[in-house]
Amino acid sequence: MEKIQPMSLGSALLHFLIPALLVTLNIYLIMAFFVTLGLPIFVNYFIIYATLPMLLLLLASIIAYQREGNEMTWMDFTQRFRLKRMTGRDWLWTILLFLIMFLSVGILSFTSIIIASFLPPPTFWPDELNPLKRSDSMGTIPTEFVGQPLPGNWWVVIVLFISLIIATFGEELWWRGYILPRQELEHGEKTWIIHGILWGLFHFFLPWNLIALLPGTITLSYVAQKLKNTWPAIIAHGLANGLMVMVVVILGIIGA
């Protein structure tokens, strides 16, 4: 495996900004276009928004890995992206990270409502993810999710799971696997602060969530740098994004 090169702040800004701009265009132009064509919002959201951009990040990670001159072997790949064996200490940090990411978003959800009141989501945005509307259905078992009827439709869980896996690995291999180690060579011990803020700002395409997400983005960056292991970030990030959604959807499918 070739020695990786430091990533300057200017270069890091581009590596975060370009994907953010692409996702922004995806939401406000491409998704909006498919709405006019009558594409179901479930497909539009989970395929066009949640899966395809993250699949591109996953591919970008592999291409960047190759451009560094690394060998396409599993040993070199796992070493470069810090996919190390999980220790007991790693698992404890993973649980703590998940709790912080999950709870901080809930505690700060009021900020999403405030921001969305003057920077509202697009009219086609799913009600379940719209801070101005999602409270209406809280505490009830849904009969549909993002416009898709749930009772008996187990394929919805499969779609959600595949989308979640692609999105989580796409983000984590790019941000924590490829970029973070290069930033560490440039910024040293304070890298997690810079990296966490940049990752938080990456989400400016969802401006109503910026404040609520920030504690989680900074904490995850700290844990990833401290442990020099990407797996805790992958696991905690995936659980924080998908655990509650999967539970609610499964309850809706079985009609509990």
C-alpha atoms as a PDB file:
ATOM      1  CA  MET A   1       0.000   0.000   0.000  1.00  0.00           C
ATOM      2  CA  GLU A   2       1.320   3.423  -0.982  1.00  0.00           C
ATOM      3  CA  LYS A   3       1.848   6.141   1.613  1.00  0.00           C
ATOM      4  CA  ILE A   4      -1.172   8.444   1.685  1.00  0.00           C
ATOM      5  CA  GLN A   5      -0.750  12.179   1.196  1.00  0.00           C
ATOM      6  CA  PRO A   6      -1.961  14.972   3.529  1.00  0.00           C
ATOM      7  CA  MET A   7      -5.175  16.755   2.529  1.00  0.00           C
ATOM      8  CA  SER A   8      -5.134  20.528   2.917  1.00  0.00           C
ATOM      9  CA  LEU A   9      -8.160  22.413   4.211  1.00  0.00           C
ATOM     10  CA  GLY A  10      -8.820  23.817   0.739  1.00  0.00           C
ATOM     11  CA  SER A  11      -8.774  20.362  -0.809  1.00  0.00           C
ATOM     12  CA  ALA A  12     -11.004  19.009   1.961  1.00  0.00           C
ATOM     13  CA  LEU A  13     -13.508  21.785   1.330  1.00  0.00           C
ATOM     14  CA  LEU A  14     -13.754  20.671  -2.292  1.00  0.00           C
ATOM     15  CA  HIS A  15     -14.092  17.007  -1.313  1.00  0.00           C
ATOM     16  CA  PHE A  16     -17.040  17.914   0.925  1.00  0.00           C
ATOM     17  CA  LEU A  17     -18.545  20.706  -1.176  1.00  0.00           C
ATOM     18  CA  ILE A  18     -18.733  18.923  -4.519  1.00  0.00           C
ATOM     19  CA  PRO A  19     -20.773  15.955  -3.174  1.00  0.00           C
ATOM     20  CA  ALA A  20     -22.982  18.403  -1.249  1.00  0.00           C
ATOM     21  CA  LEU A  21     -23.691  20.404  -4.409  1.00  0.00           C
ATOM     22  CA  LEU A  22     -24.445  17.238  -6.365  1.00  0.00           C
ATOM     23  CA  VAL A  23     -26.931  16.065  -3.727  1.00  0.00           C
ATOM     24  CA  THR A  24     -28.505  19.533  -3.667  1.00  0.00           C
ATOM     25  CA  LEU A  25     -28.983  19.438  -7.436  1.00  0.00           C
ATOM     26  CA  ASN A  26     -30.320  15.928  -7.104  1.00  0.00           C
ATOM     27  CA  ILE A  27     -33.022  17.045  -4.648  1.00  0.00           C
ATOM     28  CA  TYR A  28     -34.092  20.360  -6.110  1.00  0.00           C
ATOM     29  CA  LEU A  29     -33.739  19.565  -9.820  1.00  0.00           C
ATOM     30  CA  ILE A  30     -33.689  15.831 -10.518  1.00  0.00           C
ATOM     31  CA  MET A  31     -36.162  14.736  -7.843  1.00  0.00           C
ATOM     32  CA  ALA A  32     -38.394  17.697  -8.686  1.00  0.00           C
ATOM     33  CA  PHE A  33     -38.287  16.670 -12.352  1.00  0.00           C
ATOM     34  CA  PHE A  34     -39.306  13.093 -11.552  1.00  0.00           C
ATOM     35  CA  VAL A  35     -42.180  14.434  -9.458  1.00  0.00           C
ATOM     36  CA  THR A  36     -43.541  16.127 -12.575  1.00  0.00           C
ATOM     37  CA  LEU A  37     -43.324  12.770 -14.362  1.00  0.00           C
ATOM     38  CA  GLY A  38     -45.400  11.135 -11.653  1.00  0.00           C
ATOM     39  CA  LEU A  39     -42.679   8.904 -10.206  1.00  0.00           C
ATOM     40  CA  PRO A  40     -43.895   7.562  -6.825  1.00  0.00           C
ATOM     41  CA  ILE A  41     -42.277   9.464  -3.963  1.00  0.00           C
ATOM     42  CA  PHE A  42     -41.109   6.189  -2.376  1.00  0.00           C
ATOM     43  CA  VAL A  43     -39.013   5.395  -5.458  1.00  0.00           C
ATOM     44  CA  ASN A  44     -37.994   9.023  -5.930  1.00  0.00           C
ATOM     45  CA  TYR A  45     -36.770   9.364  -2.351  1.00  0.00           C
ATOM     46  CA  PHE A  46     -35.145   6.005  -1.654  1.00  0.00           C
ATOM     47  CA  ILE A  47     -33.608   5.423  -5.086  1.00  0.00           C
ATOM     48  CA  ILE A  48     -32.968   8.856  -6.603  1.00  0.00           C
ATOM     49  CA  TYR A  49     -32.068  10.635  -3.345  1.00  0.00           C
ATOM     50  CA  ALA A  50     -30.994   8.120  -0.709  1.00  0.00           C
ATOM     51  CA  THR A  51     -29.221   5.484  -2.814  1.00  0.00           C
ATOM     52  CA  LEU A  52     -27.774   6.775  -6.085  1.00  0.00           C
ATOM     53  CA  PRO A  53     -25.655   9.673  -4.689  1.00  0.00           C
ATOM     54  CA  MET A  54     -24.264   7.434  -1.953  1.00  0.00           C
ATOM     55  CA  LEU A  55     -23.506   4.738  -4.515  1.00  0.00           C
ATOM     56  CA  LEU A  56     -21.476   7.365  -6.380  1.00  0.00           C
ATOM     57  CA  LEU A  57     -19.577   8.141  -3.151  1.00  0.00           C
ATOM     58  CA  LEU A  58     -18.843   4.440  -2.758  1.00  0.00           C
ATOM     59  CA  LEU A  59     -17.512   4.261  -6.305  1.00  0.00           C
ATOM     60  CA  ALA A  60     -15.531   7.484  -5.757  1.00  0.00           C
ATOM     61  CA  SER A  61     -13.891   5.883  -2.705  1.00  0.00           C
ATOM     62  CA  ILE A  62     -12.757   2.891  -4.753  1.00  0.00           C
ATOM     63  CA  ILE A  63     -11.501   5.085  -7.600  1.00  0.00           C
ATOM     64  CA  ALA A  64      -9.621   7.347  -5.155  1.00  0.00           C
ATOM     65  CA  TYR A  65      -8.117   4.243  -3.541  1.00  0.00           C
ATOM     66  CA  GLN A  66      -6.857   3.037  -6.917  1.00  0.00           C
ATOM     67  CA  ARG A  67      -5.509   6.465  -7.889  1.00  0.00           C
ATOM     68  CA  GLU A  68      -3.335   6.418  -4.766  1.00  0.00           C
ATOM     69  CA  GLY A  69      -1.586   3.408  -6.267  1.00  0.00           C
ATOM     70  CA  ASN A  70      -2.982   0.844  -3.840  1.00  0.00           C
ATOM     71  CA  GLU A  71      -3.281  -2.821  -4.738  1.00  0.00           C
ATOM     72  CA  MET A  72      -6.785  -4.214  -5.137  1.00  0.00           C
ATOM     73  CA  THR A  73      -6.368  -6.789  -2.416  1.00  0.00           C
ATOM     74  CA  TRP A  74      -8.634  -7.223   0.601  1.00  0.00           C
ATOM     75  CA  MET A  75      -5.746  -6.768   3.026  1.00  0.00           C
ATOM     76  CA  ASP A  76      -4.630  -3.475   1.472  1.00  0.00           C
ATOM     77  CA  PHE A  77      -8.224  -2.269   1.097  1.00  0.00           C
ATOM     78  CA  THR A  78      -9.128  -2.897   4.734  1.00  0.00           C
ATOM     79  CA  GLN A  79      -5.867  -1.340   5.908  1.00  0.00           C
ATOM     80  CA  ARG A  80      -6.324   1.838   3.845  1.00  0.00           C
ATOM     81  CA  PHE A  81      -9.956   2.301   4.879  1.00  0.00           C
ATOM     82  CA  ARG A  82      -9.284   1.292   8.489  1.00  0.00           C
ATOM     83  CA  LEU A  83     -11.689  -1.644   8.499  1.00  0.00           C
ATOM     84  CA  LYS A  84     -10.079  -3.241  11.538  1.00  0.00           C
ATOM     85  CA  ARG A  85     -11.258  -6.040  13.800  1.00  0.00           C
ATOM     86  CA  MET A  86     -13.644  -4.772  16.470  1.00  0.00           C
ATOM     87  CA  THR A  87     -12.394  -5.035  20.043  1.00  0.00           C
ATOM     88  CA  GLY A  88     -14.470  -4.811  23.225  1.00  0.00           C
ATOM     89  CA  ARG A  89     -13.324  -1.211  23.602  1.00  0.00           C
ATOM     90  CA  ASP A  90     -14.442  -0.466  20.057  1.00  0.00           C
ATOM     91  CA  TRP A  91     -17.899  -1.898  20.775  1.00  0.00           C
ATOM     92  CA  LEU A  92     -18.292   0.254  23.872  1.00  0.00           C
ATOM     93  CA  TRP A  93     -17.416   3.366  21.889  1.00  0.00           C
ATOM     94  CA  THR A  94     -19.830   2.260  19.145  1.00  0.00           C
ATOM     95  CA  ILE A  95     -22.737   1.969  21.589  1.00  0.00           C
ATOM     96  CA  LEU A  96     -21.923   5.335  23.134  1.00  0.00           C
ATOM     97  CA  LEU A  97     -21.623   6.931  19.688  1.00  0.00           C
ATOM     98  CA  PHE A  98     -24.976   5.520  18.583  1.00  0.00           C
ATOM     99  CA  LEU A  99     -26.695   6.837  21.696  1.00  0.00           C
ATOM    100  CA  ILE A 100     -25.213  10.309  21.260  1.00  0.00           C
ATOM    101  CA  MET A 101     -26.163  10.462  17.572  1.00  0.00           C
ATOM    102  CA  PHE A 102     -29.667   9.147  18.183  1.00  0.00           C
ATOM    103  CA  LEU A 103     -30.497  11.185  21.278  1.00  0.00           C
ATOM    104  CA  SER A 104     -28.928  14.464  20.128  1.00  0.00           C
ATOM    105  CA  VAL A 105     -31.106  14.545  17.019  1.00  0.00           C
ATOM    106  CA  GLY A 106     -34.190  13.980  19.165  1.00  0.00           C
ATOM    107  CA  ILE A 107     -33.223  16.557  21.767  1.00  0.00           C
ATOM    108  CA  LEU A 108     -32.459  19.169  19.107  1.00  0.00           C
ATOM    109  CA  SER A 109     -35.436  18.356  16.890  1.00  0.00           C
ATOM    110  CA  PHE A 110     -37.028  21.674  17.899  1.00  0.00           C
ATOM    111  CA  THR A 111     -34.275  23.453  15.938  1.00  0.00           C
ATOM    112  CA  SER A 112     -35.366  21.600  12.801  1.00  0.00           C
ATOM    113  CA  ILE A 113     -38.898  22.925  13.258  1.00  0.00           C
ATOM    114  CA  ILE A 114     -37.642  26.489  13.744  1.00  0.00           C
ATOM    115  CA  ILE A 115     -35.355  26.388  10.696  1.00  0.00           C
ATOM    116  CA  ALA A 116     -37.965  24.654   8.532  1.00  0.00           C
ATOM    117  CA  SER A 117     -40.437  27.408   9.349  1.00  0.00           C
ATOM    118  CA  PHE A 118     -38.428  29.792   7.157  1.00  0.00           C
ATOM    119  CA  LEU A 119     -36.443  27.283   5.064  1.00  0.00           C
ATOM    120  CA  PRO A 120     -39.116  24.636   4.433  1.00  0.00           C
ATOM    121  CA  PRO A 121     -38.483  21.299   2.706  1.00  0.00           C
ATOM    122  CA  PRO A 122     -39.663  20.935  -0.904  1.00  0.00           C
ATOM    123  CA  THR A 123     -43.387  20.362  -1.267  1.00  0.00           C
ATOM    124  CA  PHE A 124     -42.744  16.789  -2.448  1.00  0.00           C
ATOM    125  CA  TRP A 125     -40.589  15.893   0.583  1.00  0.00           C
ATOM    126  CA  PRO A 126     -41.973  12.904   2.552  1.00  0.00           C
ATOM    127  CA  ASP A 127     -44.170  13.959   5.474  1.00  0.00           C
ATOM    128  CA  GLU A 128     -42.366  11.476   7.743  1.00  0.00           C
ATOM    129  CA  LEU A 129     -39.142  13.440   7.231  1.00  0.00           C
ATOM    130  CA  ASN A 130     -40.639  16.913   7.213  1.00  0.00           C
ATOM    131  CA  PRO A 131     -40.170  18.520  10.665  1.00  0.00           C
ATOM    132  CA  LEU A 132     -43.277  20.623  10.094  1.00  0.00           C
ATOM    133  CA  LYS A 133     -45.468  17.552   9.546  1.00  0.00           C
ATOM    134  CA  ARG A 134     -43.951  14.415  11.067  1.00  0.00           C
ATOM    135  CA  SER A 135     -45.193  15.157  14.606  1.00  0.00           C
ATOM    136  CA  ASP A 136     -48.757  14.573  13.367  1.00  0.00           C
ATOM    137  CA  SER A 137     -48.167  10.813  13.064  1.00  0.00           C
ATOM    138  CA  MET A 138     -45.851  10.276  16.036  1.00  0.00           C
ATOM    139  CA  GLY A 139     -46.955   7.613  18.511  1.00  0.00           C
ATOM    140  CA  THR A 140     -49.082   5.705  15.986  1.00  0.00           C
ATOM    141  CA  ILE A 141     -48.297   2.621  13.932  1.00  0.00           C
ATOM    142  CA  PRO A 142     -48.268   3.682  10.280  1.00  0.00           C
ATOM    143  CA  THR A 143     -50.272   2.011   7.535  1.00  0.00           C
ATOM    144  CA  GLU A 144     -48.038   3.569   4.877  1.00  0.00           C
ATOM    145  CA  PHE A 145     -44.515   4.931   4.686  1.00  0.00           C
ATOM    146  CA  VAL A 146     -43.390   7.588   2.185  1.00  0.00           C
ATOM    147  CA  GLY A 147     -46.532   6.971   0.171  1.00  0.00           C
ATOM    148  CA  GLN A 148     -46.119   3.183   0.118  1.00  0.00           C
ATOM    149  CA  PRO A 149     -48.770   0.980   1.798  1.00  0.00           C
ATOM    150  CA  LEU A 150     -47.153  -1.197   4.471  1.00  0.00           C
ATOM    151  CA  PRO A 151     -49.436  -4.090   5.584  1.00  0.00           C
ATOM    152  CA  GLY A 152     -47.949  -7.326   4.238  1.00  0.00           C
ATOM    153  CA  ASN A 153     -45.372  -5.597   2.017  1.00  0.00           C
ATOM    154  CA  TRP A 154     -42.123  -7.067   3.352  1.00  0.00           C
ATOM    155  CA  TRP A 155     -40.270  -5.977   0.215  1.00  0.00           C
ATOM    156  CA  VAL A 156     -40.316  -2.434   1.665  1.00  0.00           C
ATOM    157  CA  VAL A 157     -37.945  -3.576   4.433  1.00  0.00           C
ATOM    158  CA  ILE A 158     -35.620  -5.113   1.847  1.00  0.00           C
ATOM    159  CA  VAL A 159     -35.499  -1.854  -0.123  1.00  0.00           C
ATOM    160  CA  LEU A 160     -34.881   0.160   3.037  1.00  0.00           C
ATOM    161  CA  PHE A 161     -32.119  -2.199   4.185  1.00  0.00           C
ATOM    162  CA  ILE A 162     -30.294  -2.168   0.839  1.00  0.00           C
ATOM    163  CA  SER A 163     -30.577   1.623   0.632  1.00  0.00           C
ATOM    164  CA  LEU A 164     -29.293   1.962   4.210  1.00  0.00           C
ATOM    165  CA  ILE A 165     -26.285  -0.300   3.559  1.00  0.00           C
ATOM    166  CA  ILE A 166     -25.291   1.553   0.389  1.00  0.00           C
ATOM    167  CA  ALA A 167     -25.770   4.978   1.994  1.00  0.00           C
ATOM    168  CA  THR A 168     -23.833   4.088   5.142  1.00  0.00           C
ATOM    169  CA  PHE A 169     -20.866   2.481   3.393  1.00  0.00           C
ATOM    170  CA  GLY A 170     -20.857   5.191   0.711  1.00  0.00           C
ATOM    171  CA  GLU A 171     -20.531   7.949   3.299  1.00  0.00           C
ATOM    172  CA  GLU A 172     -18.215   6.177   5.724  1.00  0.00           C
ATOM    173  CA  LEU A 173     -15.694   4.865   3.213  1.00  0.00           C
ATOM    174  CA  TRP A 174     -15.506   8.312   1.617  1.00  0.00           C
ATOM    175  CA  TRP A 175     -15.500  10.550   4.723  1.00  0.00           C
ATOM    176  CA  ARG A 176     -13.867   8.389   7.399  1.00  0.00           C
ATOM    177  CA  GLY A 177     -12.050   5.816   5.274  1.00  0.00           C
ATOM    178  CA  TYR A 178     -10.540   7.968   2.539  1.00  0.00           C
ATOM    179  CA  ILE A 179     -10.612  11.615   3.698  1.00  0.00           C
ATOM    180  CA  LEU A 180     -10.123  11.513   7.492  1.00  0.00           C
ATOM    181  CA  PRO A 181      -6.710   9.748   7.467  1.00  0.00           C
ATOM    182  CA  ARG A 182      -5.415  12.299   4.948  1.00  0.00           C
ATOM    183  CA  GLN A 183      -6.736  15.192   7.030  1.00  0.00           C
ATOM    184  CA  GLU A 184      -5.026  13.784  10.112  1.00  0.00           C
ATOM    185  CA  LEU A 185      -1.671  14.142   8.346  1.00  0.00           C
ATOM    186  CA  GLU A 186      -2.476  17.832   7.793  1.00  0.00           C
ATOM    187  CA  HIS A 187      -4.220  18.859  11.024  1.00  0.00           C
ATOM    188  CA  GLY A 188      -3.084  16.342  13.624  1.00  0.00           C
ATOM    189  CA  GLU A 189      -5.029  15.974  16.867  1.00  0.00           C
ATOM    190  CA  LYS A 190      -7.624  18.647  16.035  1.00  0.00           C
ATOM    191  CA  THR A 191      -8.668  16.909  12.808  1.00  0.00           C
ATOM    192  CA  TRP A 192     -11.906  15.545  14.294  1.00  0.00           C
ATOM    193  CA  ILE A 193     -13.209  19.061  14.946  1.00  0.00           C
ATOM    194  CA  ILE A 194     -12.518  20.255  11.391  1.00  0.00           C
ATOM    195  CA  HIS A 195     -13.740  17.024   9.856  1.00  0.00           C
ATOM    196  CA  GLY A 196     -16.892  16.901  11.990  1.00  0.00           C
ATOM    197  CA  ILE A 197     -17.885  20.475  11.148  1.00  0.00           C
ATOM    198  CA  LEU A 198     -17.253  19.920   7.434  1.00  0.00           C
ATOM    199  CA  TRP A 199     -19.322  16.742   7.473  1.00  0.00           C
ATOM    200  CA  GLY A 200     -22.089  18.593   9.283  1.00  0.00           C
ATOM    201  CA  LEU A 201     -22.023  21.378   6.689  1.00  0.00           C
ATOM    202  CA  PHE A 202     -22.129  18.761   3.930  1.00  0.00           C
ATOM    203  CA  HIS A 203     -25.795  18.365   4.886  1.00  0.00           C
ATOM    204  CA  PHE A 204     -26.697  21.926   3.848  1.00  0.00           C
ATOM    205  CA  PHE A 205     -29.042  20.399   1.273  1.00  0.00           C
ATOM    206  CA  LEU A 206     -31.208  19.654   4.349  1.00  0.00           C
ATOM    207  CA  PRO A 207     -30.766  23.029   6.084  1.00  0.00           C
ATOM    208  CA  TRP A 208     -33.474  22.352   8.652  1.00  0.00           C
ATOM    209  CA  ASN A 209     -31.344  19.512  10.085  1.00  0.00           C
ATOM    210  CA  LEU A 210     -27.974  21.277  10.299  1.00  0.00           C
ATOM    211  CA  ILE A 211     -27.995  22.084  14.021  1.00  0.00           C
ATOM    212  CA  ALA A 212     -29.590  18.789  15.089  1.00  0.00           C
ATOM    213  CA  LEU A 213     -26.976  16.769  13.185  1.00  0.00           C
ATOM    214  CA  LEU A 214     -23.885  18.682  14.320  1.00  0.00           C
ATOM    215  CA  PRO A 215     -23.295  16.976  17.719  1.00  0.00           C
ATOM    216  CA  GLY A 216     -23.432  13.608  15.989  1.00  0.00           C
ATOM    217  CA  THR A 217     -21.126  14.563  13.130  1.00  0.00           C
ATOM    218  CA  ILE A 218     -18.491  15.909  15.503  1.00  0.00           C
ATOM    219  CA  THR A 219     -18.753  12.989  17.950  1.00  0.00           C
ATOM    220  CA  LEU A 220     -18.530  10.402  15.179  1.00  0.00           C
ATOM    221  CA  SER A 221     -15.445  12.131  13.783  1.00  0.00           C
ATOM    222  CA  TYR A 222     -13.854  12.105  17.233  1.00  0.00           C
ATOM    223  CA  VAL A 223     -14.493   8.382  17.714  1.00  0.00           C
ATOM    224  CA  ALA A 224     -13.247   7.514  14.215  1.00  0.00           C
ATOM    225  CA  GLN A 225     -10.016   9.422  14.788  1.00  0.00           C
ATOM    226  CA  LYS A 226      -9.504   8.139  18.327  1.00  0.00           C
ATOM    227  CA  LEU A 227      -9.967   4.477  17.448  1.00  0.00           C
ATOM    228  CA  LYS A 228      -8.412   4.617  13.956  1.00  0.00           C
ATOM    229  CA  ASN A 229     -11.179   2.207  13.007  1.00  0.00           C
ATOM    230  CA  THR A 230     -14.026   2.918  10.559  1.00  0.00           C
ATOM    231  CA  TRP A 231     -16.309   0.100  11.738  1.00  0.00           C
ATOM    232  CA  PRO A 232     -17.664   1.931  14.828  1.00  0.00           C
ATOM    233  CA  ALA A 233     -18.659   4.849  12.571  1.00  0.00           C
ATOM    234  CA  ILE A 234     -20.276   2.487  10.055  1.00  0.00           C
ATOM    235  CA  ILE A 235     -22.255   0.618  12.703  1.00  0.00           C
ATOM    236  CA  ALA A 236     -23.340   3.632  14.768  1.00  0.00           C
ATOM    237  CA  HIS A 237     -24.171   5.702  11.679  1.00  0.00           C
ATOM    238  CA  GLY A 238     -26.251   2.899  10.175  1.00  0.00           C
ATOM    239  CA  LEU A 239     -28.140   2.283  13.415  1.00  0.00           C
ATOM    240  CA  ALA A 240     -28.764   5.982  14.045  1.00  0.00           C
ATOM    241  CA  ASN A 241     -30.161   6.420  10.541  1.00  0.00           C
ATOM    242  CA  GLY A 242     -32.102   3.216  10.212  1.00  0.00           C
ATOM    243  CA  LEU A 243     -32.941   1.394  13.453  1.00  0.00           C
ATOM    244  CA  MET A 244     -36.047   3.344  14.458  1.00  0.00           C
ATOM    245  CA  VAL A 245     -37.276   3.588  10.864  1.00  0.00           C
ATOM    246  CA  MET A 246     -36.928  -0.164  10.355  1.00  0.00           C
ATOM    247  CA  VAL A 247     -38.764  -0.947  13.606  1.00  0.00           C
ATOM    248  CA  VAL A 248     -41.654   1.389  12.742  1.00  0.00           C
ATOM    249  CA  VAL A 249     -41.914   0.054   9.192  1.00  0.00           C
ATOM    250  CA  ILE A 250     -41.900  -3.581  10.365  1.00  0.00           C
ATOM    251  CA  LEU A 251     -44.660  -2.804  12.877  1.00  0.00           C
ATOM    252  CA  GLY A 252     -46.652  -1.239  10.047  1.00  0.00           C
ATOM    253  CA  ILE A 253     -46.097  -4.278   7.829  1.00  0.00           C
ATOM    254  CA  ILE A 254     -47.314  -6.782  10.405  1.00  0.00           C
ATOM    255  CA  GLY A 255     -50.166  -4.467  11.386  1.00  0.00           C
ATOM    256  CA  ALA A 256     -49.250  -4.474  15.073  1.00  0.00           C
END
